[in-house]
């Protein structure tokens, strides 16, 4: 037995690092020589494969462009990593701007609610108001990011006068059949409204997003007495994230949750005692939609769809 010696144990190989997850909203270099069928550069094709050349947002429009295959190296933004094929993923080159950790940031919709629409007096003017509320949990497990919200609206608001005539307060179909960006006032010049501070990696917080939608009820316009006001609207709410809003050449805003749809159809007129009240209402309570477009696009905003009125 004295001649038996234990053999040295093999040193285990270090665990292989998992391949970094390709993150939506980041720009990547693409080796197009690895693509046998390179159809990049066509916007529709790029979108179907989860890519964009760029996604530029302003209060006037949201502009998408195709991947520029003439530049070297070819670069593209990922707007939906679930649409990327394995062949395309193998052509991506990570840079220092791309996160190296596995996993994704995650937004959870904890609850939605809304109080009943009401007419209240604001600055001596009867005002119709409705306020949906969204409770959220925001986890930045993969990388630091800013959370924001975009609201698109399809809207028709009409004044009915006592003489039977009508006047349009807002009609988004005047610029086409697509939704427009919802803006509440002229002081808001941001297409994406930030929610909370820029959140560092591995942080978690609960947030509440609540924004009242209002319509003033004038007693008369240009000397014509108002009999009633009707509002017919459908809103689509997109919660977005951006890893670097101040670095548009490296990061873009991308949806981080399925769109949420809500709406109302309401008619307001005076009661026998002269008080303005709701006489007809139909509500679409906030609910998650799987049919709304995943990338919010618009060619105007709700303020630009309002004519100039003399009250």
C-alpha atoms as a PDB file:
ATOM      1  CA  UNK A   1       0.000   0.000   0.000  1.00  0.00           C
ATOM      2  CA  UNK A   2       2.949   2.312   0.557  1.00  0.00           C
ATOM      3  CA  UNK A   3       3.468   2.377  -3.231  1.00  0.00           C
ATOM      4  CA  UNK A   4      -0.024   3.808  -3.966  1.00  0.00           C
ATOM      5  CA  UNK A   5      -0.024   7.514  -4.537  1.00  0.00           C
ATOM      6  CA  UNK A   6      -3.184   9.645  -5.115  1.00  0.00           C
ATOM      7  CA  UNK A   7      -3.376  11.180  -8.559  1.00  0.00           C
ATOM      8  CA  UNK A   8      -3.816  14.965  -8.708  1.00  0.00           C
ATOM      9  CA  UNK A   9      -7.368  16.056  -9.390  1.00  0.00           C
ATOM     10  CA  UNK A  10      -8.066  17.821 -12.624  1.00  0.00           C
ATOM     11  CA  UNK A  11      -8.547  21.554 -12.222  1.00  0.00           C
ATOM     12  CA  UNK A  12     -12.120  22.403 -13.258  1.00  0.00           C
ATOM     13  CA  UNK A  13     -12.402  24.719 -16.217  1.00  0.00           C
ATOM     14  CA  UNK A  14     -13.688  28.179 -15.380  1.00  0.00           C
ATOM     15  CA  UNK A  15     -17.378  28.592 -16.205  1.00  0.00           C
ATOM     16  CA  UNK A  16     -18.036  30.038 -19.601  1.00  0.00           C
ATOM     17  CA  UNK A  17     -19.551  33.501 -19.537  1.00  0.00           C
ATOM     18  CA  UNK A  18     -22.968  33.575 -21.126  1.00  0.00           C
ATOM     19  CA  UNK A  19     -23.257  35.640 -24.263  1.00  0.00           C
ATOM     20  CA  UNK A  20     -24.457  39.166 -23.430  1.00  0.00           C
ATOM     21  CA  UNK A  21     -28.122  39.765 -24.150  1.00  0.00           C
ATOM     22  CA  UNK A  22     -28.842  42.106 -27.038  1.00  0.00           C
ATOM     23  CA  UNK A  23     -30.765  44.998 -25.547  1.00  0.00           C
ATOM     24  CA  UNK A  24     -33.537  46.983 -27.223  1.00  0.00           C
ATOM     25  CA  UNK A  25     -32.819  50.688 -27.505  1.00  0.00           C
ATOM     26  CA  UNK A  26     -29.056  50.247 -27.992  1.00  0.00           C
ATOM     27  CA  UNK A  27     -27.000  50.759 -31.129  1.00  0.00           C
ATOM     28  CA  UNK A  28     -24.847  47.860 -32.360  1.00  0.00           C
ATOM     29  CA  UNK A  29     -22.270  47.329 -35.081  1.00  0.00           C
ATOM     30  CA  UNK A  30     -23.307  44.685 -37.619  1.00  0.00           C
ATOM     31  CA  UNK A  31     -20.971  42.549 -39.704  1.00  0.00           C
ATOM     32  CA  UNK A  32     -23.022  42.430 -42.904  1.00  0.00           C
ATOM     33  CA  UNK A  33     -20.527  40.080 -44.577  1.00  0.00           C
ATOM     34  CA  UNK A  34     -21.896  37.298 -42.390  1.00  0.00           C
ATOM     35  CA  UNK A  35     -25.393  37.817 -43.815  1.00  0.00           C
ATOM     36  CA  UNK A  36     -25.937  35.586 -46.829  1.00  0.00           C
ATOM     37  CA  UNK A  37     -29.132  37.417 -47.742  1.00  0.00           C
ATOM     38  CA  UNK A  38     -28.489  41.008 -46.757  1.00  0.00           C
ATOM     39  CA  UNK A  39     -31.737  42.937 -47.171  1.00  0.00           C
ATOM     40  CA  UNK A  40     -30.884  45.597 -44.611  1.00  0.00           C
ATOM     41  CA  UNK A  41     -31.598  49.141 -45.689  1.00  0.00           C
ATOM     42  CA  UNK A  42     -35.303  48.686 -46.422  1.00  0.00           C
ATOM     43  CA  UNK A  43     -37.333  50.234 -43.597  1.00  0.00           C
ATOM     44  CA  UNK A  44     -40.160  47.690 -43.665  1.00  0.00           C
ATOM     45  CA  UNK A  45     -37.696  44.795 -43.702  1.00  0.00           C
ATOM     46  CA  UNK A  46     -35.634  46.358 -40.906  1.00  0.00           C
ATOM     47  CA  UNK A  47     -38.707  46.831 -38.706  1.00  0.00           C
ATOM     48  CA  UNK A  48     -39.862  43.259 -39.280  1.00  0.00           C
ATOM     49  CA  UNK A  49     -36.465  42.119 -38.044  1.00  0.00           C
ATOM     50  CA  UNK A  50     -36.425  44.355 -34.960  1.00  0.00           C
ATOM     51  CA  UNK A  51     -34.001  46.980 -36.306  1.00  0.00           C
ATOM     52  CA  UNK A  52     -34.005  50.689 -37.111  1.00  0.00           C
ATOM     53  CA  UNK A  53     -31.531  53.083 -38.619  1.00  0.00           C
ATOM     54  CA  UNK A  54     -32.843  55.719 -36.220  1.00  0.00           C
ATOM     55  CA  UNK A  55     -35.925  56.746 -34.248  1.00  0.00           C
ATOM     56  CA  UNK A  56     -36.093  60.538 -33.870  1.00  0.00           C
ATOM     57  CA  UNK A  57     -38.806  62.096 -31.734  1.00  0.00           C
ATOM     58  CA  UNK A  58     -40.190  65.618 -31.555  1.00  0.00           C
ATOM     59  CA  UNK A  59     -43.574  67.043 -30.605  1.00  0.00           C
ATOM     60  CA  UNK A  60     -44.333  67.428 -34.319  1.00  0.00           C
ATOM     61  CA  UNK A  61     -43.491  63.893 -35.454  1.00  0.00           C
ATOM     62  CA  UNK A  62     -41.853  60.555 -34.731  1.00  0.00           C
ATOM     63  CA  UNK A  63     -39.521  59.681 -37.597  1.00  0.00           C
ATOM     64  CA  UNK A  64     -38.111  56.245 -38.378  1.00  0.00           C
ATOM     65  CA  UNK A  65     -35.292  55.632 -40.849  1.00  0.00           C
ATOM     66  CA  UNK A  66     -33.838  52.461 -42.368  1.00  0.00           C
ATOM     67  CA  UNK A  67     -30.419  51.067 -41.541  1.00  0.00           C
ATOM     68  CA  UNK A  68     -27.728  52.887 -43.508  1.00  0.00           C
ATOM     69  CA  UNK A  69     -25.849  50.098 -45.283  1.00  0.00           C
ATOM     70  CA  UNK A  70     -23.468  52.604 -46.896  1.00  0.00           C
ATOM     71  CA  UNK A  71     -21.708  53.527 -43.677  1.00  0.00           C
ATOM     72  CA  UNK A  72     -18.757  51.579 -42.331  1.00  0.00           C
ATOM     73  CA  UNK A  73     -19.197  49.886 -40.014  1.00  0.00           C
ATOM     74  CA  UNK A  74     -22.927  49.331 -40.496  1.00  0.00           C
ATOM     75  CA  UNK A  75     -24.770  50.332 -37.324  1.00  0.00           C
ATOM     76  CA  UNK A  76     -28.355  49.758 -36.262  1.00  0.00           C
ATOM     77  CA  UNK A  77     -30.613  50.375 -33.288  1.00  0.00           C
ATOM     78  CA  UNK A  78     -32.544  47.453 -31.854  1.00  0.00           C
ATOM     79  CA  UNK A  79     -36.146  48.350 -31.111  1.00  0.00           C
ATOM     80  CA  UNK A  80     -37.413  44.786 -30.459  1.00  0.00           C
ATOM     81  CA  UNK A  81     -34.871  42.114 -29.567  1.00  0.00           C
ATOM     82  CA  UNK A  82     -37.534  39.370 -29.759  1.00  0.00           C
ATOM     83  CA  UNK A  83     -37.706  39.837 -33.534  1.00  0.00           C
ATOM     84  CA  UNK A  84     -33.987  39.253 -34.077  1.00  0.00           C
ATOM     85  CA  UNK A  85     -33.093  35.968 -35.771  1.00  0.00           C
ATOM     86  CA  UNK A  86     -30.189  33.901 -34.465  1.00  0.00           C
ATOM     87  CA  UNK A  87     -28.349  34.493 -37.736  1.00  0.00           C
ATOM     88  CA  UNK A  88     -28.696  38.247 -37.281  1.00  0.00           C
ATOM     89  CA  UNK A  89     -27.657  38.084 -33.625  1.00  0.00           C
ATOM     90  CA  UNK A  90     -24.417  36.377 -34.622  1.00  0.00           C
ATOM     91  CA  UNK A  91     -23.545  39.406 -36.765  1.00  0.00           C
ATOM     92  CA  UNK A  92     -23.670  41.847 -33.832  1.00  0.00           C
ATOM     93  CA  UNK A  93     -20.518  43.296 -32.288  1.00  0.00           C
ATOM     94  CA  UNK A  94     -20.708  44.546 -28.707  1.00  0.00           C
ATOM     95  CA  UNK A  95     -19.083  47.874 -27.945  1.00  0.00           C
ATOM     96  CA  UNK A  96     -18.304  49.652 -24.698  1.00  0.00           C
ATOM     97  CA  UNK A  97     -21.729  51.328 -24.902  1.00  0.00           C
ATOM     98  CA  UNK A  98     -23.574  47.984 -24.767  1.00  0.00           C
ATOM     99  CA  UNK A  99     -24.369  46.267 -21.465  1.00  0.00           C
ATOM    100  CA  UNK A 100     -22.463  43.051 -20.864  1.00  0.00           C
ATOM    101  CA  UNK A 101     -24.845  41.510 -18.316  1.00  0.00           C
ATOM    102  CA  UNK A 102     -27.565  39.024 -19.093  1.00  0.00           C
ATOM    103  CA  UNK A 103     -31.205  39.819 -18.456  1.00  0.00           C
ATOM    104  CA  UNK A 104     -33.464  42.761 -19.189  1.00  0.00           C
ATOM    105  CA  UNK A 105     -34.924  45.752 -17.417  1.00  0.00           C
ATOM    106  CA  UNK A 106     -38.511  45.118 -16.428  1.00  0.00           C
ATOM    107  CA  UNK A 107     -41.606  47.255 -15.908  1.00  0.00           C
ATOM    108  CA  UNK A 108     -44.596  45.733 -14.105  1.00  0.00           C
ATOM    109  CA  UNK A 109     -48.044  47.299 -14.219  1.00  0.00           C
ATOM    110  CA  UNK A 110     -49.332  46.762 -10.686  1.00  0.00           C
ATOM    111  CA  UNK A 111     -52.719  48.445 -11.005  1.00  0.00           C
ATOM    112  CA  UNK A 112     -54.806  50.829 -13.102  1.00  0.00           C
ATOM    113  CA  UNK A 113     -57.691  52.922 -11.886  1.00  0.00           C
ATOM    114  CA  UNK A 114     -59.657  56.014 -12.754  1.00  0.00           C
ATOM    115  CA  UNK A 115     -62.140  58.157 -10.891  1.00  0.00           C
ATOM    116  CA  UNK A 116     -65.493  58.863 -12.497  1.00  0.00           C
ATOM    117  CA  UNK A 117     -65.377  61.815 -14.921  1.00  0.00           C
ATOM    118  CA  UNK A 118     -66.638  65.039 -13.391  1.00  0.00           C
ATOM    119  CA  UNK A 119     -67.344  68.677 -14.159  1.00  0.00           C
ATOM    120  CA  UNK A 120     -65.740  71.090 -11.705  1.00  0.00           C
ATOM    121  CA  UNK A 121     -65.166  74.848 -11.719  1.00  0.00           C
ATOM    122  CA  UNK A 122     -61.571  75.876 -12.502  1.00  0.00           C
ATOM    123  CA  UNK A 123     -60.784  79.617 -12.663  1.00  0.00           C
ATOM    124  CA  UNK A 124     -64.524  80.359 -12.843  1.00  0.00           C
ATOM    125  CA  UNK A 125     -64.907  78.066 -15.858  1.00  0.00           C
ATOM    126  CA  UNK A 126     -66.734  74.712 -15.790  1.00  0.00           C
ATOM    127  CA  UNK A 127     -64.203  72.047 -16.752  1.00  0.00           C
ATOM    128  CA  UNK A 128     -64.676  68.401 -17.687  1.00  0.00           C
ATOM    129  CA  UNK A 129     -62.006  66.180 -16.151  1.00  0.00           C
ATOM    130  CA  UNK A 130     -60.940  62.537 -16.156  1.00  0.00           C
ATOM    131  CA  UNK A 131     -57.796  61.168 -14.514  1.00  0.00           C
ATOM    132  CA  UNK A 132     -56.530  57.623 -15.154  1.00  0.00           C
ATOM    133  CA  UNK A 133     -53.894  56.372 -12.708  1.00  0.00           C
ATOM    134  CA  UNK A 134     -51.165  53.775 -13.348  1.00  0.00           C
ATOM    135  CA  UNK A 135     -49.174  52.133 -10.546  1.00  0.00           C
ATOM    136  CA  UNK A 136     -45.825  50.760 -11.753  1.00  0.00           C
ATOM    137  CA  UNK A 137     -42.806  48.845 -10.536  1.00  0.00           C
ATOM    138  CA  UNK A 138     -39.599  49.662 -12.426  1.00  0.00           C
ATOM    139  CA  UNK A 139     -36.568  47.365 -12.178  1.00  0.00           C
ATOM    140  CA  UNK A 140     -33.286  48.192 -13.952  1.00  0.00           C
ATOM    141  CA  UNK A 141     -31.688  44.762 -13.616  1.00  0.00           C
ATOM    142  CA  UNK A 142     -29.552  44.977 -16.784  1.00  0.00           C
ATOM    143  CA  UNK A 143     -28.449  48.625 -17.067  1.00  0.00           C
ATOM    144  CA  UNK A 144     -29.178  52.153 -15.894  1.00  0.00           C
ATOM    145  CA  UNK A 145     -32.098  53.717 -17.726  1.00  0.00           C
ATOM    146  CA  UNK A 146     -34.655  56.521 -17.812  1.00  0.00           C
ATOM    147  CA  UNK A 147     -38.366  55.658 -17.736  1.00  0.00           C
ATOM    148  CA  UNK A 148     -40.796  57.846 -19.658  1.00  0.00           C
ATOM    149  CA  UNK A 149     -44.290  57.896 -21.120  1.00  0.00           C
ATOM    150  CA  UNK A 150     -45.754  58.726 -24.535  1.00  0.00           C
ATOM    151  CA  UNK A 151     -49.472  59.267 -25.014  1.00  0.00           C
ATOM    152  CA  UNK A 152     -51.135  59.133 -28.422  1.00  0.00           C
ATOM    153  CA  UNK A 153     -54.723  60.193 -28.941  1.00  0.00           C
ATOM    154  CA  UNK A 154     -57.494  59.980 -31.514  1.00  0.00           C
ATOM    155  CA  UNK A 155     -59.765  62.875 -30.623  1.00  0.00           C
ATOM    156  CA  UNK A 156     -62.904  64.712 -31.691  1.00  0.00           C
ATOM    157  CA  UNK A 157     -64.248  67.508 -29.478  1.00  0.00           C
ATOM    158  CA  UNK A 158     -67.268  69.511 -30.664  1.00  0.00           C
ATOM    159  CA  UNK A 159     -69.261  72.488 -29.352  1.00  0.00           C
ATOM    160  CA  UNK A 160     -73.012  72.554 -30.025  1.00  0.00           C
ATOM    161  CA  UNK A 161     -74.607  76.012 -29.987  1.00  0.00           C
ATOM    162  CA  UNK A 162     -78.156  76.879 -28.975  1.00  0.00           C
ATOM    163  CA  UNK A 163     -78.944  77.913 -32.569  1.00  0.00           C
ATOM    164  CA  UNK A 164     -78.146  74.402 -33.820  1.00  0.00           C
ATOM    165  CA  UNK A 165     -74.711  75.198 -35.276  1.00  0.00           C
ATOM    166  CA  UNK A 166     -71.545  73.356 -34.263  1.00  0.00           C
ATOM    167  CA  UNK A 167     -67.840  74.160 -33.969  1.00  0.00           C
ATOM    168  CA  UNK A 168     -64.867  71.803 -33.810  1.00  0.00           C
ATOM    169  CA  UNK A 169     -62.584  72.235 -30.814  1.00  0.00           C
ATOM    170  CA  UNK A 170     -60.184  69.504 -31.887  1.00  0.00           C
ATOM    171  CA  UNK A 171     -60.182  66.902 -34.637  1.00  0.00           C
ATOM    172  CA  UNK A 172     -57.091  64.746 -35.038  1.00  0.00           C
ATOM    173  CA  UNK A 173     -58.367  63.318 -38.328  1.00  0.00           C
ATOM    174  CA  UNK A 174     -57.585  66.650 -39.990  1.00  0.00           C
ATOM    175  CA  UNK A 175     -53.960  65.469 -40.279  1.00  0.00           C
ATOM    176  CA  UNK A 176     -54.793  61.871 -41.210  1.00  0.00           C
ATOM    177  CA  UNK A 177     -56.272  58.769 -39.678  1.00  0.00           C
ATOM    178  CA  UNK A 178     -53.319  58.031 -37.396  1.00  0.00           C
ATOM    179  CA  UNK A 179     -53.182  59.043 -33.707  1.00  0.00           C
ATOM    180  CA  UNK A 180     -51.326  62.218 -32.741  1.00  0.00           C
ATOM    181  CA  UNK A 181     -49.103  62.968 -29.749  1.00  0.00           C
ATOM    182  CA  UNK A 182     -51.121  64.164 -26.756  1.00  0.00           C
ATOM    183  CA  UNK A 183     -49.878  67.419 -25.221  1.00  0.00           C
ATOM    184  CA  UNK A 184     -51.669  69.000 -22.282  1.00  0.00           C
ATOM    185  CA  UNK A 185     -50.308  72.558 -22.645  1.00  0.00           C
ATOM    186  CA  UNK A 186     -47.936  74.704 -24.698  1.00  0.00           C
ATOM    187  CA  UNK A 187     -45.299  74.624 -21.938  1.00  0.00           C
ATOM    188  CA  UNK A 188     -44.722  70.914 -22.562  1.00  0.00           C
ATOM    189  CA  UNK A 189     -42.271  70.564 -25.445  1.00  0.00           C
ATOM    190  CA  UNK A 190     -41.085  67.016 -24.687  1.00  0.00           C
ATOM    191  CA  UNK A 191     -42.347  64.123 -26.811  1.00  0.00           C
ATOM    192  CA  UNK A 192     -41.531  61.701 -23.963  1.00  0.00           C
ATOM    193  CA  UNK A 193     -42.462  62.727 -20.420  1.00  0.00           C
ATOM    194  CA  UNK A 194     -39.848  61.455 -17.912  1.00  0.00           C
ATOM    195  CA  UNK A 195     -41.154  59.464 -14.942  1.00  0.00           C
ATOM    196  CA  UNK A 196     -38.878  59.861 -11.961  1.00  0.00           C
ATOM    197  CA  UNK A 197     -35.121  60.302 -11.966  1.00  0.00           C
ATOM    198  CA  UNK A 198     -32.619  58.388 -14.101  1.00  0.00           C
ATOM    199  CA  UNK A 199     -32.437  55.001 -12.409  1.00  0.00           C
ATOM    200  CA  UNK A 200     -29.117  53.252 -11.827  1.00  0.00           C
ATOM    201  CA  UNK A 201     -28.521  49.572 -12.532  1.00  0.00           C
ATOM    202  CA  UNK A 202     -29.905  47.005 -10.047  1.00  0.00           C
ATOM    203  CA  UNK A 203     -32.357  49.493  -8.554  1.00  0.00           C
ATOM    204  CA  UNK A 204     -36.090  49.086  -8.080  1.00  0.00           C
ATOM    205  CA  UNK A 205     -38.803  51.607  -7.355  1.00  0.00           C
ATOM    206  CA  UNK A 206     -42.563  52.013  -7.414  1.00  0.00           C
ATOM    207  CA  UNK A 207     -44.042  54.871  -9.408  1.00  0.00           C
ATOM    208  CA  UNK A 208     -47.448  56.380 -10.028  1.00  0.00           C
ATOM    209  CA  UNK A 209     -48.292  58.040 -13.328  1.00  0.00           C
ATOM    210  CA  UNK A 210     -51.454  60.132 -13.282  1.00  0.00           C
ATOM    211  CA  UNK A 211     -52.352  62.938 -15.664  1.00  0.00           C
ATOM    212  CA  UNK A 212     -55.725  64.646 -15.815  1.00  0.00           C
ATOM    213  CA  UNK A 213     -57.333  65.124 -19.226  1.00  0.00           C
ATOM    214  CA  UNK A 214     -59.539  68.231 -19.226  1.00  0.00           C
ATOM    215  CA  UNK A 215     -61.852  70.249 -21.455  1.00  0.00           C
ATOM    216  CA  UNK A 216     -63.029  73.740 -20.542  1.00  0.00           C
ATOM    217  CA  UNK A 217     -66.770  74.374 -21.076  1.00  0.00           C
ATOM    218  CA  UNK A 218     -67.253  77.958 -22.340  1.00  0.00           C
ATOM    219  CA  UNK A 219     -70.669  79.589 -21.931  1.00  0.00           C
ATOM    220  CA  UNK A 220     -70.304  81.215 -25.348  1.00  0.00           C
ATOM    221  CA  UNK A 221     -67.920  81.459 -28.281  1.00  0.00           C
ATOM    222  CA  UNK A 222     -67.786  84.533 -30.533  1.00  0.00           C
ATOM    223  CA  UNK A 223     -71.130  85.673 -29.109  1.00  0.00           C
ATOM    224  CA  UNK A 224     -72.857  82.324 -29.719  1.00  0.00           C
ATOM    225  CA  UNK A 225     -74.333  80.628 -26.639  1.00  0.00           C
ATOM    226  CA  UNK A 226     -73.058  77.096 -26.030  1.00  0.00           C
ATOM    227  CA  UNK A 227     -75.692  74.403 -25.497  1.00  0.00           C
ATOM    228  CA  UNK A 228     -73.392  71.406 -24.999  1.00  0.00           C
ATOM    229  CA  UNK A 229     -69.908  70.027 -25.565  1.00  0.00           C
ATOM    230  CA  UNK A 230     -69.135  66.474 -26.714  1.00  0.00           C
ATOM    231  CA  UNK A 231     -65.810  64.635 -26.344  1.00  0.00           C
ATOM    232  CA  UNK A 232     -64.916  61.402 -28.143  1.00  0.00           C
ATOM    233  CA  UNK A 233     -61.354  60.169 -27.523  1.00  0.00           C
ATOM    234  CA  UNK A 234     -59.174  57.078 -27.468  1.00  0.00           C
ATOM    235  CA  UNK A 235     -55.766  57.212 -25.770  1.00  0.00           C
ATOM    236  CA  UNK A 236     -52.858  54.801 -26.156  1.00  0.00           C
ATOM    237  CA  UNK A 237     -50.256  55.034 -23.403  1.00  0.00           C
ATOM    238  CA  UNK A 238     -46.701  53.775 -24.023  1.00  0.00           C
ATOM    239  CA  UNK A 239     -44.173  53.376 -21.236  1.00  0.00           C
ATOM    240  CA  UNK A 240     -40.696  53.792 -22.738  1.00  0.00           C
ATOM    241  CA  UNK A 241     -37.083  53.525 -21.597  1.00  0.00           C
ATOM    242  CA  UNK A 242     -33.816  55.062 -22.743  1.00  0.00           C
ATOM    243  CA  UNK A 243     -30.331  54.167 -21.488  1.00  0.00           C
ATOM    244  CA  UNK A 244     -29.004  57.629 -22.389  1.00  0.00           C
ATOM    245  CA  UNK A 245     -31.494  60.344 -23.430  1.00  0.00           C
ATOM    246  CA  UNK A 246     -28.573  62.773 -23.769  1.00  0.00           C
ATOM    247  CA  UNK A 247     -26.747  60.427 -26.188  1.00  0.00           C
ATOM    248  CA  UNK A 248     -29.114  60.033 -29.171  1.00  0.00           C
ATOM    249  CA  UNK A 249     -26.362  58.515 -31.339  1.00  0.00           C
ATOM    250  CA  UNK A 250     -26.095  55.529 -28.983  1.00  0.00           C
ATOM    251  CA  UNK A 251     -29.578  55.060 -27.494  1.00  0.00           C
ATOM    252  CA  UNK A 252     -33.208  55.536 -28.512  1.00  0.00           C
ATOM    253  CA  UNK A 253     -36.531  55.401 -26.676  1.00  0.00           C
ATOM    254  CA  UNK A 254     -38.168  51.980 -26.933  1.00  0.00           C
ATOM    255  CA  UNK A 255     -41.357  50.511 -25.409  1.00  0.00           C
ATOM    256  CA  UNK A 256     -40.768  48.606 -22.182  1.00  0.00           C
ATOM    257  CA  UNK A 257     -44.378  47.464 -21.698  1.00  0.00           C
ATOM    258  CA  UNK A 258     -47.372  46.622 -23.862  1.00  0.00           C
ATOM    259  CA  UNK A 259     -49.470  49.694 -24.723  1.00  0.00           C
ATOM    260  CA  UNK A 260     -52.408  50.603 -22.471  1.00  0.00           C
ATOM    261  CA  UNK A 261     -55.639  51.873 -24.034  1.00  0.00           C
ATOM    262  CA  UNK A 262     -58.379  53.975 -22.464  1.00  0.00           C
ATOM    263  CA  UNK A 263     -60.999  56.390 -23.732  1.00  0.00           C
ATOM    264  CA  UNK A 264     -64.246  58.237 -23.184  1.00  0.00           C
ATOM    265  CA  UNK A 265     -67.334  59.437 -25.054  1.00  0.00           C
ATOM    266  CA  UNK A 266     -69.060  62.189 -23.080  1.00  0.00           C
ATOM    267  CA  UNK A 267     -71.622  64.920 -23.606  1.00  0.00           C
ATOM    268  CA  UNK A 268     -71.821  67.855 -21.182  1.00  0.00           C
ATOM    269  CA  UNK A 269     -74.720  70.320 -21.041  1.00  0.00           C
ATOM    270  CA  UNK A 270     -76.554  72.545 -18.575  1.00  0.00           C
ATOM    271  CA  UNK A 271     -79.155  71.237 -16.181  1.00  0.00           C
ATOM    272  CA  UNK A 272     -82.437  73.054 -15.491  1.00  0.00           C
ATOM    273  CA  UNK A 273     -80.651  75.021 -12.726  1.00  0.00           C
ATOM    274  CA  UNK A 274     -77.891  76.200 -15.067  1.00  0.00           C
ATOM    275  CA  UNK A 275     -75.189  73.899 -13.697  1.00  0.00           C
ATOM    276  CA  UNK A 276     -73.067  72.063 -16.289  1.00  0.00           C
ATOM    277  CA  UNK A 277     -73.240  68.315 -15.856  1.00  0.00           C
ATOM    278  CA  UNK A 278     -72.558  65.045 -17.689  1.00  0.00           C
ATOM    279  CA  UNK A 279     -75.647  63.844 -19.547  1.00  0.00           C
ATOM    280  CA  UNK A 280     -74.112  60.986 -21.530  1.00  0.00           C
ATOM    281  CA  UNK A 281     -70.990  58.930 -20.958  1.00  0.00           C
ATOM    282  CA  UNK A 282     -69.327  55.786 -22.236  1.00  0.00           C
ATOM    283  CA  UNK A 283     -65.932  54.835 -20.854  1.00  0.00           C
ATOM    284  CA  UNK A 284     -63.123  52.555 -22.028  1.00  0.00           C
ATOM    285  CA  UNK A 285     -61.379  51.624 -18.800  1.00  0.00           C
ATOM    286  CA  UNK A 286     -57.556  51.364 -18.968  1.00  0.00           C
ATOM    287  CA  UNK A 287     -56.527  47.942 -20.246  1.00  0.00           C
ATOM    288  CA  UNK A 288     -53.411  46.381 -21.760  1.00  0.00           C
ATOM    289  CA  UNK A 289     -53.626  46.044 -25.529  1.00  0.00           C
ATOM    290  CA  UNK A 290     -51.782  43.594 -27.732  1.00  0.00           C
ATOM    291  CA  UNK A 291     -53.090  45.096 -30.976  1.00  0.00           C
ATOM    292  CA  UNK A 292     -51.749  48.640 -30.757  1.00  0.00           C
ATOM    293  CA  UNK A 293     -48.516  49.295 -32.684  1.00  0.00           C
ATOM    294  CA  UNK A 294     -45.406  48.461 -30.670  1.00  0.00           C
ATOM    295  CA  UNK A 295     -43.532  51.541 -31.888  1.00  0.00           C
ATOM    296  CA  UNK A 296     -45.454  54.805 -31.308  1.00  0.00           C
ATOM    297  CA  UNK A 297     -45.548  57.016 -34.404  1.00  0.00           C
ATOM    298  CA  UNK A 298     -47.227  60.364 -34.993  1.00  0.00           C
ATOM    299  CA  UNK A 299     -47.215  63.251 -37.465  1.00  0.00           C
ATOM    300  CA  UNK A 300     -48.756  65.980 -35.319  1.00  0.00           C
ATOM    301  CA  UNK A 301     -49.894  66.719 -31.771  1.00  0.00           C
ATOM    302  CA  UNK A 302     -53.199  67.534 -30.115  1.00  0.00           C
ATOM    303  CA  UNK A 303     -52.373  71.241 -29.709  1.00  0.00           C
ATOM    304  CA  UNK A 304     -51.741  71.661 -33.431  1.00  0.00           C
ATOM    305  CA  UNK A 305     -55.140  70.068 -34.124  1.00  0.00           C
ATOM    306  CA  UNK A 306     -56.982  72.817 -32.239  1.00  0.00           C
ATOM    307  CA  UNK A 307     -58.310  75.828 -34.188  1.00  0.00           C
ATOM    308  CA  UNK A 308     -57.921  79.334 -32.758  1.00  0.00           C
ATOM    309  CA  UNK A 309     -61.137  80.227 -30.950  1.00  0.00           C
ATOM    310  CA  UNK A 310     -62.479  83.575 -29.775  1.00  0.00           C
ATOM    311  CA  UNK A 311     -64.424  83.005 -26.582  1.00  0.00           C
END
